[in-house]
C-alpha cells in the first residue's frame, strides 16, 4: 500500500510517486493493485531540510485509516519512494496498528544517507 500524498501536493506534482511504485511492484509480483487504506489528513511542509526529531513532529497525526474493517487482522506493506529517517513510515504505521493490523512493514525504492 503506498504512503499517500496530501491531495494538494498531488495536485501540484500531477502524480503520486509512491502510488506508481506500488502499482508496478504489485504488477511485477502478480499481486492485485494496491488499495488506499490510509488518508493523509493534513499536509506537512517538505521534510528534506528537517532533523529526525522535526520530521517525526512534522508528521504527527498526518494519517488516518479510511476503513478500520479493511485493516483489522491483516499484514500491511507500506511503499514509499525514499526513506531517510523512517519518520513517514512510522507515522503511517501508527494508525494502521491502532486499527488492528497484525504487522506493518515498510519498503522504499531508495535510502537517503546522513540521517539513519
PDB file of N, CA and C in Angstrom:
ATOM      1  N   UNK A   1       0.838  -1.163   0.000  1.00  0.00           N
ATOM      2  CA  UNK A   1       0.000   0.000   0.000  1.00  0.00           C
ATOM      3  C   UNK A   1       0.890   1.235   0.000  1.00  0.00           C
ATOM      4  N   UNK A   2       0.665   2.162  -0.906  1.00  0.00           N
ATOM      5  CA  UNK A   2       1.510   3.350  -0.979  1.00  0.00           C
ATOM      6  C   UNK A   2       1.259   4.326   0.166  1.00  0.00           C
ATOM      7  N   UNK A   3       2.317   5.018   0.568  1.00  0.00           N
ATOM      8  CA  UNK A   3       2.179   6.132   1.505  1.00  0.00           C
ATOM      9  C   UNK A   3       1.455   7.241   0.734  1.00  0.00           C
ATOM     10  N   UNK A   4       0.305   7.695   1.211  1.00  0.00           N
ATOM     11  CA  UNK A   4      -0.447   8.688   0.434  1.00  0.00           C
ATOM     12  C   UNK A   4       0.150  10.094   0.524  1.00  0.00           C
ATOM     13  N   UNK A   5       0.071  10.793  -0.582  1.00  0.00           N
ATOM     14  CA  UNK A   5       0.400  12.220  -0.613  1.00  0.00           C
ATOM     15  C   UNK A   5      -0.833  13.001  -0.170  1.00  0.00           C
ATOM     16  N   UNK A   6      -0.614  14.184   0.366  1.00  0.00           N
ATOM     17  CA  UNK A   6      -1.743  15.075   0.614  1.00  0.00           C
ATOM     18  C   UNK A   6      -2.290  15.493  -0.753  1.00  0.00           C
ATOM     19  N   UNK A   7      -3.596  15.673  -0.843  1.00  0.00           N
ATOM     20  CA  UNK A   7      -4.210  15.960  -2.141  1.00  0.00           C
ATOM     21  C   UNK A   7      -3.648  17.220  -2.793  1.00  0.00           C
ATOM     22  N   UNK A   8      -3.289  18.216  -1.996  1.00  0.00           N
ATOM     23  CA  UNK A   8      -2.738  19.449  -2.582  1.00  0.00           C
ATOM     24  C   UNK A   8      -1.386  19.192  -3.242  1.00  0.00           C
ATOM     25  N   UNK A   9      -0.543  18.404  -2.572  1.00  0.00           N
ATOM     26  CA  UNK A   9       0.777  18.110  -3.128  1.00  0.00           C
ATOM     27  C   UNK A   9       0.647  17.283  -4.408  1.00  0.00           C
ATOM     28  N   UNK A  10      -0.299  16.354  -4.410  1.00  0.00           N
ATOM     29  CA  UNK A  10      -0.506  15.553  -5.624  1.00  0.00           C
ATOM     30  C   UNK A  10      -0.992  16.438  -6.768  1.00  0.00           C
ATOM     31  N   UNK A  11      -1.863  17.375  -6.464  1.00  0.00           N
ATOM     32  CA  UNK A  11      -2.374  18.286  -7.490  1.00  0.00           C
ATOM     33  C   UNK A  11      -1.235  19.106  -8.096  1.00  0.00           C
ATOM     34  N   UNK A  12      -0.336  19.602  -7.253  1.00  0.00           N
ATOM     35  CA  UNK A  12       0.795  20.402  -7.733  1.00  0.00           C
ATOM     36  C   UNK A  12       1.740  19.549  -8.581  1.00  0.00           C
ATOM     37  N   UNK A  13       2.078  18.351  -8.086  1.00  0.00           N
ATOM     38  CA  UNK A  13       3.002  17.468  -8.806  1.00  0.00           C
ATOM     39  C   UNK A  13       2.389  16.864 -10.060  1.00  0.00           C
ATOM     40  N   UNK A  14       1.138  16.526  -9.963  1.00  0.00           N
ATOM     41  CA  UNK A  14       0.485  15.866 -11.079  1.00  0.00           C
ATOM     42  C   UNK A  14       0.586  14.355 -11.041  1.00  0.00           C
ATOM     43  N   UNK A  15       1.243  13.814 -10.046  1.00  0.00           N
ATOM     44  CA  UNK A  15       1.373  12.363  -9.902  1.00  0.00           C
ATOM     45  C   UNK A  15       1.733  12.044  -8.456  1.00  0.00           C
ATOM     46  N   UNK A  16       1.640  10.764  -8.112  1.00  0.00           N
ATOM     47  CA  UNK A  16       1.980  10.280  -6.775  1.00  0.00           C
ATOM     48  C   UNK A  16       3.003   9.165  -6.952  1.00  0.00           C
ATOM     49  N   UNK A  17       4.258   9.466  -6.670  1.00  0.00           N
ATOM     50  CA  UNK A  17       5.338   8.523  -6.939  1.00  0.00           C
ATOM     51  C   UNK A  17       5.212   7.231  -6.133  1.00  0.00           C
ATOM     52  N   UNK A  18       4.773   7.283  -4.897  1.00  0.00           N
ATOM     53  CA  UNK A  18       4.620   6.064  -4.099  1.00  0.00           C
ATOM     54  C   UNK A  18       3.513   5.183  -4.684  1.00  0.00           C
ATOM     55  N   UNK A  19       2.447   5.805  -5.165  1.00  0.00           N
ATOM     56  CA  UNK A  19       1.368   5.039  -5.794  1.00  0.00           C
ATOM     57  C   UNK A  19       1.889   4.322  -7.041  1.00  0.00           C
ATOM     58  N   UNK A  20       2.648   5.037  -7.875  1.00  0.00           N
ATOM     59  CA  UNK A  20       3.198   4.426  -9.085  1.00  0.00           C
ATOM     60  C   UNK A  20       4.128   3.262  -8.744  1.00  0.00           C
ATOM     61  N   UNK A  21       4.969   3.436  -7.737  1.00  0.00           N
ATOM     62  CA  UNK A  21       5.859   2.344  -7.310  1.00  0.00           C
ATOM     63  C   UNK A  21       5.056   1.136  -6.845  1.00  0.00           C
ATOM     64  N   UNK A  22       4.030   1.374  -6.050  1.00  0.00           N
ATOM     65  CA  UNK A  22       3.217   0.271  -5.527  1.00  0.00           C
ATOM     66  C   UNK A  22       2.483  -0.459  -6.648  1.00  0.00           C
ATOM     67  N   UNK A  23       1.945   0.279  -7.599  1.00  0.00           N
ATOM     68  CA  UNK A  23       1.231  -0.339  -8.722  1.00  0.00           C
ATOM     69  C   UNK A  23       2.172  -1.241  -9.513  1.00  0.00           C
ATOM     70  N   UNK A  24       3.364  -0.741  -9.824  1.00  0.00           N
ATOM     71  CA  UNK A  24       4.311  -1.527 -10.620  1.00  0.00           C
ATOM     72  C   UNK A  24       4.877  -2.706  -9.832  1.00  0.00           C
ATOM     73  N   UNK A  25       5.101  -2.529  -8.543  1.00  0.00           N
ATOM     74  CA  UNK A  25       5.590  -3.640  -7.713  1.00  0.00           C
ATOM     75  C   UNK A  25       4.543  -4.749  -7.638  1.00  0.00           C
ATOM     76  N   UNK A  26       3.294  -4.372  -7.463  1.00  0.00           N
ATOM     77  CA  UNK A  26       2.219  -5.377  -7.418  1.00  0.00           C
ATOM     78  C   UNK A  26       2.102  -6.108  -8.753  1.00  0.00           C
ATOM     79  N   UNK A  27       2.163  -5.363  -9.850  1.00  0.00           N
ATOM     80  CA  UNK A  27       2.061  -5.982 -11.172  1.00  0.00           C
ATOM     81  C   UNK A  27       3.217  -6.950 -11.408  1.00  0.00           C
ATOM     82  N   UNK A  28       4.429  -6.554 -11.023  1.00  0.00           N
ATOM     83  CA  UNK A  28       5.599  -7.418 -11.214  1.00  0.00           C
ATOM     84  C   UNK A  28       5.510  -8.679 -10.368  1.00  0.00           C
ATOM     85  N   UNK A  29       4.889  -8.571  -9.209  1.00  0.00           N
ATOM     86  CA  UNK A  29       4.764  -9.717  -8.319  1.00  0.00           C
ATOM     87  C   UNK A  29       3.492 -10.516  -8.513  1.00  0.00           C
ATOM     88  N   UNK A  30       2.687 -10.136  -9.509  1.00  0.00           N
ATOM     89  CA  UNK A  30       1.443 -10.852  -9.761  1.00  0.00           C
ATOM     90  C   UNK A  30       0.398 -10.642  -8.680  1.00  0.00           C
ATOM     91  N   UNK A  31       0.479  -9.522  -7.989  1.00  0.00           N
ATOM     92  CA  UNK A  31      -0.460  -9.209  -6.914  1.00  0.00           C
ATOM     93  C   UNK A  31      -1.542  -8.256  -7.414  1.00  0.00           C
ATOM     94  N   UNK A  32      -2.690  -8.220  -6.744  1.00  0.00           N
ATOM     95  CA  UNK A  32      -3.717  -7.253  -7.148  1.00  0.00           C
ATOM     96  C   UNK A  32      -3.232  -5.822  -6.914  1.00  0.00           C
ATOM     97  N   UNK A  33      -3.832  -4.897  -7.623  1.00  0.00           N
ATOM     98  CA  UNK A  33      -3.464  -3.485  -7.464  1.00  0.00           C
ATOM     99  C   UNK A  33      -3.620  -3.048  -6.017  1.00  0.00           C
ATOM    100  N   UNK A  34      -2.750  -2.145  -5.564  1.00  0.00           N
ATOM    101  CA  UNK A  34      -2.816  -1.697  -4.167  1.00  0.00           C
ATOM    102  C   UNK A  34      -4.069  -0.881  -3.898  1.00  0.00           C
ATOM    103  N   UNK A  35      -4.487  -0.898  -2.645  1.00  0.00           N
ATOM    104  CA  UNK A  35      -5.639  -0.107  -2.213  1.00  0.00           C
ATOM    105  C   UNK A  35      -5.154   1.005  -1.298  1.00  0.00           C
ATOM    106  N   UNK A  36      -5.868   2.091  -1.297  1.00  0.00           N
ATOM    107  CA  UNK A  36      -5.546   3.204  -0.408  1.00  0.00           C
ATOM    108  C   UNK A  36      -6.252   2.988   0.922  1.00  0.00           C
ATOM    109  N   UNK A  37      -5.573   2.388   1.856  1.00  0.00           N
ATOM    110  CA  UNK A  37      -6.148   2.143   3.174  1.00  0.00           C
ATOM    111  C   UNK A  37      -5.972   3.340   4.096  1.00  0.00           C
ATOM    112  N   UNK A  38      -5.010   4.200   3.760  1.00  0.00           N
ATOM    113  CA  UNK A  38      -4.721   5.393   4.561  1.00  0.00           C
ATOM    114  C   UNK A  38      -5.136   6.644   3.808  1.00  0.00           C
ATOM    115  N   UNK A  39      -5.378   7.684   4.582  1.00  0.00           N
ATOM    116  CA  UNK A  39      -5.639   9.006   4.010  1.00  0.00           C
ATOM    117  C   UNK A  39      -4.738   9.984   4.742  1.00  0.00           C
ATOM    118  N   UNK A  40      -4.117  10.867   3.993  1.00  0.00           N
ATOM    119  CA  UNK A  40      -3.299  11.913   4.606  1.00  0.00           C
ATOM    120  C   UNK A  40      -4.239  13.062   4.925  1.00  0.00           C
ATOM    121  N   UNK A  41      -4.451  13.309   6.229  1.00  0.00           N
ATOM    122  CA  UNK A  41      -5.476  14.277   6.621  1.00  0.00           C
ATOM    123  C   UNK A  41      -4.934  15.676   6.832  1.00  0.00           C
ATOM    124  N   UNK A  42      -3.633  15.796   6.857  1.00  0.00           N
ATOM    125  CA  UNK A  42      -3.081  17.147   6.920  1.00  0.00           C
ATOM    126  C   UNK A  42      -1.771  17.167   6.166  1.00  0.00           C
ATOM    127  N   UNK A  43      -1.577  18.238   5.449  1.00  0.00           N
ATOM    128  CA  UNK A  43      -0.331  18.407   4.722  1.00  0.00           C
ATOM    129  C   UNK A  43       0.793  18.721   5.691  1.00  0.00           C
ATOM    130  N   UNK A  44       1.993  18.486   5.253  1.00  0.00           N
ATOM    131  CA  UNK A  44       3.163  18.781   6.074  1.00  0.00           C
ATOM    132  C   UNK A  44       4.193  19.456   5.183  1.00  0.00           C
ATOM    133  N   UNK A  45       4.924  20.410   5.735  1.00  0.00           N
ATOM    134  CA  UNK A  45       5.980  21.037   4.939  1.00  0.00           C
ATOM    135  C   UNK A  45       6.988  19.989   4.470  1.00  0.00           C
ATOM    136  N   UNK A  46       7.700  20.299   3.413  1.00  0.00           N
ATOM    137  CA  UNK A  46       8.734  19.390   2.908  1.00  0.00           C
ATOM    138  C   UNK A  46       9.708  19.051   4.030  1.00  0.00           C
ATOM    139  N   UNK A  47      10.132  17.801   4.072  1.00  0.00           N
ATOM    140  CA  UNK A  47      10.954  17.329   5.178  1.00  0.00           C
ATOM    141  C   UNK A  47      12.442  17.302   4.865  1.00  0.00           C
ATOM    142  N   UNK A  48      12.822  17.605   3.644  1.00  0.00           N
ATOM    143  CA  UNK A  48      14.203  17.403   3.216  1.00  0.00           C
ATOM    144  C   UNK A  48      15.233  18.148   4.062  1.00  0.00           C
ATOM    145  N   UNK A  49      14.867  19.248   4.661  1.00  0.00           N
ATOM    146  CA  UNK A  49      15.831  20.036   5.449  1.00  0.00           C
ATOM    147  C   UNK A  49      15.643  19.879   6.957  1.00  0.00           C
ATOM    148  N   UNK A  50      14.756  18.983   7.381  1.00  0.00           N
ATOM    149  CA  UNK A  50      14.445  18.845   8.806  1.00  0.00           C
ATOM    150  C   UNK A  50      15.286  17.763   9.477  1.00  0.00           C
ATOM    151  N   UNK A  51      15.508  17.926  10.775  1.00  0.00           N
ATOM    152  CA  UNK A  51      16.181  16.901  11.572  1.00  0.00           C
ATOM    153  C   UNK A  51      15.233  15.724  11.777  1.00  0.00           C
ATOM    154  N   UNK A  52      15.762  14.625  12.298  1.00  0.00           N
ATOM    155  CA  UNK A  52      14.933  13.439  12.544  1.00  0.00           C
ATOM    156  C   UNK A  52      13.793  13.764  13.510  1.00  0.00           C
ATOM    157  N   UNK A  53      14.081  14.488  14.587  1.00  0.00           N
ATOM    158  CA  UNK A  53      13.044  14.834  15.567  1.00  0.00           C
ATOM    159  C   UNK A  53      11.989  15.751  14.943  1.00  0.00           C
ATOM    160  N   UNK A  54      12.426  16.705  14.141  1.00  0.00           N
ATOM    161  CA  UNK A  54      11.490  17.621  13.486  1.00  0.00           C
ATOM    162  C   UNK A  54      10.620  16.887  12.469  1.00  0.00           C
ATOM    163  N   UNK A  55      11.186  15.887  11.814  1.00  0.00           N
ATOM    164  CA  UNK A  55      10.407  15.088  10.862  1.00  0.00           C
ATOM    165  C   UNK A  55       9.295  14.328  11.577  1.00  0.00           C
ATOM    166  N   UNK A  56       9.626  13.721  12.719  1.00  0.00           N
ATOM    167  CA  UNK A  56       8.607  12.989  13.481  1.00  0.00           C
ATOM    168  C   UNK A  56       7.481  13.922  13.918  1.00  0.00           C
ATOM    169  N   UNK A  57       7.836  15.084  14.423  1.00  0.00           N
ATOM    170  CA  UNK A  57       6.829  16.055  14.872  1.00  0.00           C
ATOM    171  C   UNK A  57       5.998  16.566  13.693  1.00  0.00           C
ATOM    172  N   UNK A  58       6.654  16.782  12.569  1.00  0.00           N
ATOM    173  CA  UNK A  58       6.015  17.281  11.360  1.00  0.00           C
ATOM    174  C   UNK A  58       4.896  16.348  10.882  1.00  0.00           C
ATOM    175  N   UNK A  59       5.051  15.045  11.136  1.00  0.00           N
ATOM    176  CA  UNK A  59       4.091  14.055  10.644  1.00  0.00           C
ATOM    177  C   UNK A  59       3.119  13.553  11.699  1.00  0.00           C
ATOM    178  N   UNK A  60       3.230  14.063  12.919  1.00  0.00           N
ATOM    179  CA  UNK A  60       2.342  13.602  13.990  1.00  0.00           C
ATOM    180  C   UNK A  60       0.877  13.842  13.589  1.00  0.00           C
ATOM    181  N   UNK A  61       0.084  12.778  13.579  1.00  0.00           N
ATOM    182  CA  UNK A  61      -1.334  12.886  13.249  1.00  0.00           C
ATOM    183  C   UNK A  61      -1.641  13.166  11.793  1.00  0.00           C
ATOM    184  N   UNK A  62      -0.687  12.926  10.901  1.00  0.00           N
ATOM    185  CA  UNK A  62      -0.894  13.252   9.485  1.00  0.00           C
ATOM    186  C   UNK A  62      -1.723  12.216   8.737  1.00  0.00           C
ATOM    187  N   UNK A  63      -1.827  10.992   9.281  1.00  0.00           N
ATOM    188  CA  UNK A  63      -2.514   9.908   8.572  1.00  0.00           C
ATOM    189  C   UNK A  63      -3.678   9.361   9.385  1.00  0.00           C
ATOM    190  N   UNK A  64      -4.702   8.894   8.681  1.00  0.00           N
ATOM    191  CA  UNK A  64      -5.820   8.198   9.312  1.00  0.00           C
ATOM    192  C   UNK A  64      -6.208   7.011   8.433  1.00  0.00           C
ATOM    193  N   UNK A  65      -6.794   6.009   9.041  1.00  0.00           N
ATOM    194  CA  UNK A  65      -7.248   4.826   8.310  1.00  0.00           C
ATOM    195  C   UNK A  65      -8.620   5.118   7.706  1.00  0.00           C
ATOM    196  N   UNK A  66      -8.789   4.804   6.441  1.00  0.00           N
ATOM    197  CA  UNK A  66     -10.068   5.048   5.762  1.00  0.00           C
ATOM    198  C   UNK A  66     -11.182   4.188   6.355  1.00  0.00           C
ATOM    199  N   UNK A  67     -10.954   2.880   6.448  1.00  0.00           N
ATOM    200  CA  UNK A  67     -11.962   1.968   6.985  1.00  0.00           C
ATOM    201  C   UNK A  67     -11.255   0.907   7.823  1.00  0.00           C
ATOM    202  N   UNK A  68     -11.368   0.983   9.151  1.00  0.00           N
ATOM    203  CA  UNK A  68     -10.676   0.022  10.019  1.00  0.00           C
ATOM    204  C   UNK A  68     -10.992  -1.438   9.696  1.00  0.00           C
ATOM    205  N   UNK A  69     -12.161  -1.716   9.142  1.00  0.00           N
ATOM    206  CA  UNK A  69     -12.515  -3.103   8.782  1.00  0.00           C
ATOM    207  C   UNK A  69     -11.586  -3.660   7.702  1.00  0.00           C
ATOM    208  N   UNK A  70     -11.040  -2.785   6.859  1.00  0.00           N
ATOM    209  CA  UNK A  70     -10.119  -3.222   5.806  1.00  0.00           C
ATOM    210  C   UNK A  70      -8.729  -3.524   6.342  1.00  0.00           C
ATOM    211  N   UNK A  71      -8.446  -3.104   7.564  1.00  0.00           N
ATOM    212  CA  UNK A  71      -7.103  -3.216   8.137  1.00  0.00           C
ATOM    213  C   UNK A  71      -7.020  -4.308   9.197  1.00  0.00           C
ATOM    214  N   UNK A  72      -8.050  -4.447   9.993  1.00  0.00           N
ATOM    215  CA  UNK A  72      -8.031  -5.369  11.138  1.00  0.00           C
ATOM    216  C   UNK A  72      -7.670  -6.789  10.713  1.00  0.00           C
ATOM    217  N   UNK A  73      -6.690  -7.358  11.408  1.00  0.00           N
ATOM    218  CA  UNK A  73      -6.278  -8.731  11.168  1.00  0.00           C
ATOM    219  C   UNK A  73      -5.394  -8.945   9.957  1.00  0.00           C
ATOM    220  N   UNK A  74      -4.938  -7.883   9.320  1.00  0.00           N
ATOM    221  CA  UNK A  74      -4.130  -8.007   8.106  1.00  0.00           C
ATOM    222  C   UNK A  74      -2.678  -7.614   8.348  1.00  0.00           C
ATOM    223  N   UNK A  75      -1.819  -8.104   7.486  1.00  0.00           N
ATOM    224  CA  UNK A  75      -0.433  -7.661   7.420  1.00  0.00           C
ATOM    225  C   UNK A  75      -0.358  -6.650   6.285  1.00  0.00           C
ATOM    226  N   UNK A  76       0.193  -5.486   6.566  1.00  0.00           N
ATOM    227  CA  UNK A  76       0.234  -4.381   5.605  1.00  0.00           C
ATOM    228  C   UNK A  76       1.682  -4.104   5.219  1.00  0.00           C
ATOM    229  N   UNK A  77       1.921  -3.878   3.931  1.00  0.00           N
ATOM    230  CA  UNK A  77       3.235  -3.458   3.444  1.00  0.00           C
ATOM    231  C   UNK A  77       3.077  -2.048   2.887  1.00  0.00           C
ATOM    232  N   UNK A  78       3.773  -1.095   3.509  1.00  0.00           N
ATOM    233  CA  UNK A  78       3.760   0.298   3.065  1.00  0.00           C
ATOM    234  C   UNK A  78       4.862   0.504   2.030  1.00  0.00           C
ATOM    235  N   UNK A  79       4.573   1.264   0.990  1.00  0.00           N
ATOM    236  CA  UNK A  79       5.536   1.538  -0.075  1.00  0.00           C
ATOM    237  C   UNK A  79       5.780   3.039  -0.130  1.00  0.00           C
ATOM    238  N   UNK A  80       7.065   3.425  -0.131  1.00  0.00           N
ATOM    239  CA  UNK A  80       7.435   4.832  -0.262  1.00  0.00           C
ATOM    240  C   UNK A  80       8.583   4.941  -1.252  1.00  0.00           C
ATOM    241  N   UNK A  81       8.841   6.154  -1.725  1.00  0.00           N
ATOM    242  CA  UNK A  81       9.916   6.327  -2.694  1.00  0.00           C
ATOM    243  C   UNK A  81      11.286   6.352  -2.025  1.00  0.00           C
ATOM    244  N   UNK A  82      11.437   7.166  -0.986  1.00  0.00           N
ATOM    245  CA  UNK A  82      12.725   7.315  -0.310  1.00  0.00           C
ATOM    246  C   UNK A  82      12.512   7.259   1.194  1.00  0.00           C
ATOM    247  N   UNK A  83      13.387   6.561   1.891  1.00  0.00           N
ATOM    248  CA  UNK A  83      13.374   6.583   3.354  1.00  0.00           C
ATOM    249  C   UNK A  83      14.662   7.267   3.809  1.00  0.00           C
ATOM    250  N   UNK A  84      14.508   8.206   4.717  1.00  0.00           N
ATOM    251  CA  UNK A  84      15.667   8.901   5.274  1.00  0.00           C
ATOM    252  C   UNK A  84      15.781   8.542   6.746  1.00  0.00           C
ATOM    253  N   UNK A  85      14.817   8.968   7.537  1.00  0.00           N
ATOM    254  CA  UNK A  85      14.826   8.645   8.972  1.00  0.00           C
ATOM    255  C   UNK A  85      13.811   7.571   9.322  1.00  0.00           C
ATOM    256  N   UNK A  86      12.892   7.293   8.430  1.00  0.00           N
ATOM    257  CA  UNK A  86      11.816   6.347   8.718  1.00  0.00           C
ATOM    258  C   UNK A  86      10.605   7.004   9.356  1.00  0.00           C
ATOM    259  N   UNK A  87      10.629   8.330   9.501  1.00  0.00           N
ATOM    260  CA  UNK A  87       9.541   9.046  10.175  1.00  0.00           C
ATOM    261  C   UNK A  87       8.210   8.890   9.444  1.00  0.00           C
ATOM    262  N   UNK A  88       8.219   8.943   8.128  1.00  0.00           N
ATOM    263  CA  UNK A  88       6.971   8.817   7.376  1.00  0.00           C
ATOM    264  C   UNK A  88       6.387   7.420   7.525  1.00  0.00           C
ATOM    265  N   UNK A  89       7.222   6.399   7.380  1.00  0.00           N
ATOM    266  CA  UNK A  89       6.741   5.025   7.536  1.00  0.00           C
ATOM    267  C   UNK A  89       6.207   4.799   8.945  1.00  0.00           C
ATOM    268  N   UNK A  90       6.908   5.321   9.949  1.00  0.00           N
ATOM    269  CA  UNK A  90       6.466   5.155  11.341  1.00  0.00           C
ATOM    270  C   UNK A  90       5.138   5.865  11.581  1.00  0.00           C
ATOM    271  N   UNK A  91       4.999   7.083  11.059  1.00  0.00           N
ATOM    272  CA  UNK A  91       3.759   7.840  11.250  1.00  0.00           C
ATOM    273  C   UNK A  91       2.582   7.164  10.548  1.00  0.00           C
ATOM    274  N   UNK A  92       2.830   6.552   9.402  1.00  0.00           N
ATOM    275  CA  UNK A  92       1.766   5.853   8.683  1.00  0.00           C
ATOM    276  C   UNK A  92       1.413   4.531   9.354  1.00  0.00           C
ATOM    277  N   UNK A  93       2.386   3.895   9.981  1.00  0.00           N
ATOM    278  CA  UNK A  93       2.147   2.602  10.633  1.00  0.00           C
ATOM    279  C   UNK A  93       1.292   2.740  11.891  1.00  0.00           C
ATOM    280  N   UNK A  94       1.413   3.849  12.601  1.00  0.00           N
ATOM    281  CA  UNK A  94       0.686   4.014  13.867  1.00  0.00           C
ATOM    282  C   UNK A  94      -0.824   3.833  13.735  1.00  0.00           C
ATOM    283  N   UNK A  95      -1.503   4.546  12.848  1.00  0.00           N
ATOM    284  CA  UNK A  95      -2.954   4.348  12.755  1.00  0.00           C
ATOM    285  C   UNK A  95      -3.330   2.965  12.214  1.00  0.00           C
ATOM    286  N   UNK A  96      -2.469   2.375  11.403  1.00  0.00           N
ATOM    287  CA  UNK A  96      -2.745   1.025  10.905  1.00  0.00           C
ATOM    288  C   UNK A  96      -2.713   0.015  12.045  1.00  0.00           C
ATOM    289  N   UNK A  97      -1.703   0.129  12.912  1.00  0.00           N
ATOM    290  CA  UNK A  97      -1.621  -0.771  14.071  1.00  0.00           C
ATOM    291  C   UNK A  97      -2.793  -0.525  15.019  1.00  0.00           C
ATOM    292  N   UNK A  98      -3.139   0.748  15.213  1.00  0.00           N
ATOM    293  CA  UNK A  98      -4.261   1.082  16.096  1.00  0.00           C
ATOM    294  C   UNK A  98      -5.583   0.530  15.552  1.00  0.00           C
ATOM    295  N   UNK A  99      -5.681   0.391  14.228  1.00  0.00           N
ATOM    296  CA  UNK A  99      -6.896  -0.141  13.607  1.00  0.00           C
ATOM    297  C   UNK A  99      -6.906  -1.665  13.566  1.00  0.00           C
ATOM    298  N   UNK A 100      -5.854  -2.289  14.109  1.00  0.00           N
ATOM    299  CA  UNK A 100      -5.855  -3.744  14.220  1.00  0.00           C
ATOM    300  C   UNK A 100      -4.990  -4.508  13.248  1.00  0.00           C
ATOM    301  N   UNK A 101      -4.120  -3.822  12.502  1.00  0.00           N
ATOM    302  CA  UNK A 101      -3.205  -4.546  11.614  1.00  0.00           C
ATOM    303  C   UNK A 101      -2.318  -5.458  12.455  1.00  0.00           C
ATOM    304  N   UNK A 102      -2.108  -6.681  11.988  1.00  0.00           N
ATOM    305  CA  UNK A 102      -1.260  -7.637  12.705  1.00  0.00           C
ATOM    306  C   UNK A 102       0.190  -7.177  12.674  1.00  0.00           C
ATOM    307  N   UNK A 103       0.631  -6.756  11.502  1.00  0.00           N
ATOM    308  CA  UNK A 103       2.005  -6.277  11.322  1.00  0.00           C
ATOM    309  C   UNK A 103       1.996  -5.243  10.209  1.00  0.00           C
ATOM    310  N   UNK A 104       2.941  -4.306  10.294  1.00  0.00           N
ATOM    311  CA  UNK A 104       3.099  -3.297   9.253  1.00  0.00           C
ATOM    312  C   UNK A 104       4.576  -3.254   8.885  1.00  0.00           C
ATOM    313  N   UNK A 105       4.868  -3.465   7.611  1.00  0.00           N
ATOM    314  CA  UNK A 105       6.234  -3.427   7.099  1.00  0.00           C
ATOM    315  C   UNK A 105       6.360  -2.255   6.146  1.00  0.00           C
ATOM    316  N   UNK A 106       7.557  -1.741   6.000  1.00  0.00           N
ATOM    317  CA  UNK A 106       7.804  -0.644   5.086  1.00  0.00           C
ATOM    318  C   UNK A 106       8.893  -0.993   4.099  1.00  0.00           C
ATOM    319  N   UNK A 107       8.682  -0.630   2.844  1.00  0.00           N
ATOM    320  CA  UNK A 107       9.700  -0.784   1.811  1.00  0.00           C
ATOM    321  C   UNK A 107       9.815   0.537   1.064  1.00  0.00           C
ATOM    322  N   UNK A 108      11.026   0.811   0.583  1.00  0.00           N
ATOM    323  CA  UNK A 108      11.262   2.038  -0.173  1.00  0.00           C
ATOM    324  C   UNK A 108      12.205   1.730  -1.326  1.00  0.00           C
ATOM    325  N   UNK A 109      12.091   2.508  -2.371  1.00  0.00           N
ATOM    326  CA  UNK A 109      12.946   2.347  -3.532  1.00  0.00           C
ATOM    327  C   UNK A 109      14.381   2.750  -3.213  1.00  0.00           C
ATOM    328  N   UNK A 110      14.550   3.778  -2.388  1.00  0.00           N
ATOM    329  CA  UNK A 110      15.886   4.298  -2.104  1.00  0.00           C
ATOM    330  C   UNK A 110      16.007   4.699  -0.643  1.00  0.00           C
ATOM    331  N   UNK A 111      17.246   4.779  -0.197  1.00  0.00           N
ATOM    332  CA  UNK A 111      17.546   5.241   1.159  1.00  0.00           C
ATOM    333  C   UNK A 111      18.481   6.435   1.052  1.00  0.00           C
ATOM    334  N   UNK A 112      18.096   7.541   1.656  1.00  0.00           N
ATOM    335  CA  UNK A 112      18.938   8.731   1.672  1.00  0.00           C
ATOM    336  C   UNK A 112      19.960   8.597   2.791  1.00  0.00           C
ATOM    337  N   UNK A 113      21.145   9.099   2.592  1.00  0.00           N
ATOM    338  CA  UNK A 113      22.196   8.984   3.597  1.00  0.00           C
ATOM    339  C   UNK A 113      22.205  10.146   4.558  1.00  0.00           C
ATOM    340  N   UNK A 114      22.954   9.970   5.632  1.00  0.00           N
ATOM    341  CA  UNK A 114      23.187  11.059   6.559  1.00  0.00           C
ATOM    342  C   UNK A 114      22.290  11.121   7.767  1.00  0.00           C
ATOM    343  N   UNK A 115      21.168  10.424   7.785  1.00  0.00           N
ATOM    344  CA  UNK A 115      20.255  10.528   8.915  1.00  0.00           C
ATOM    345  C   UNK A 115      20.054   9.214   9.649  1.00  0.00           C
ATOM    346  N   UNK A 116      20.122   8.095   8.965  1.00  0.00           N
ATOM    347  CA  UNK A 116      19.777   6.807   9.571  1.00  0.00           C
ATOM    348  C   UNK A 116      20.944   6.253  10.363  1.00  0.00           C
TER     349      UNK A 116
END
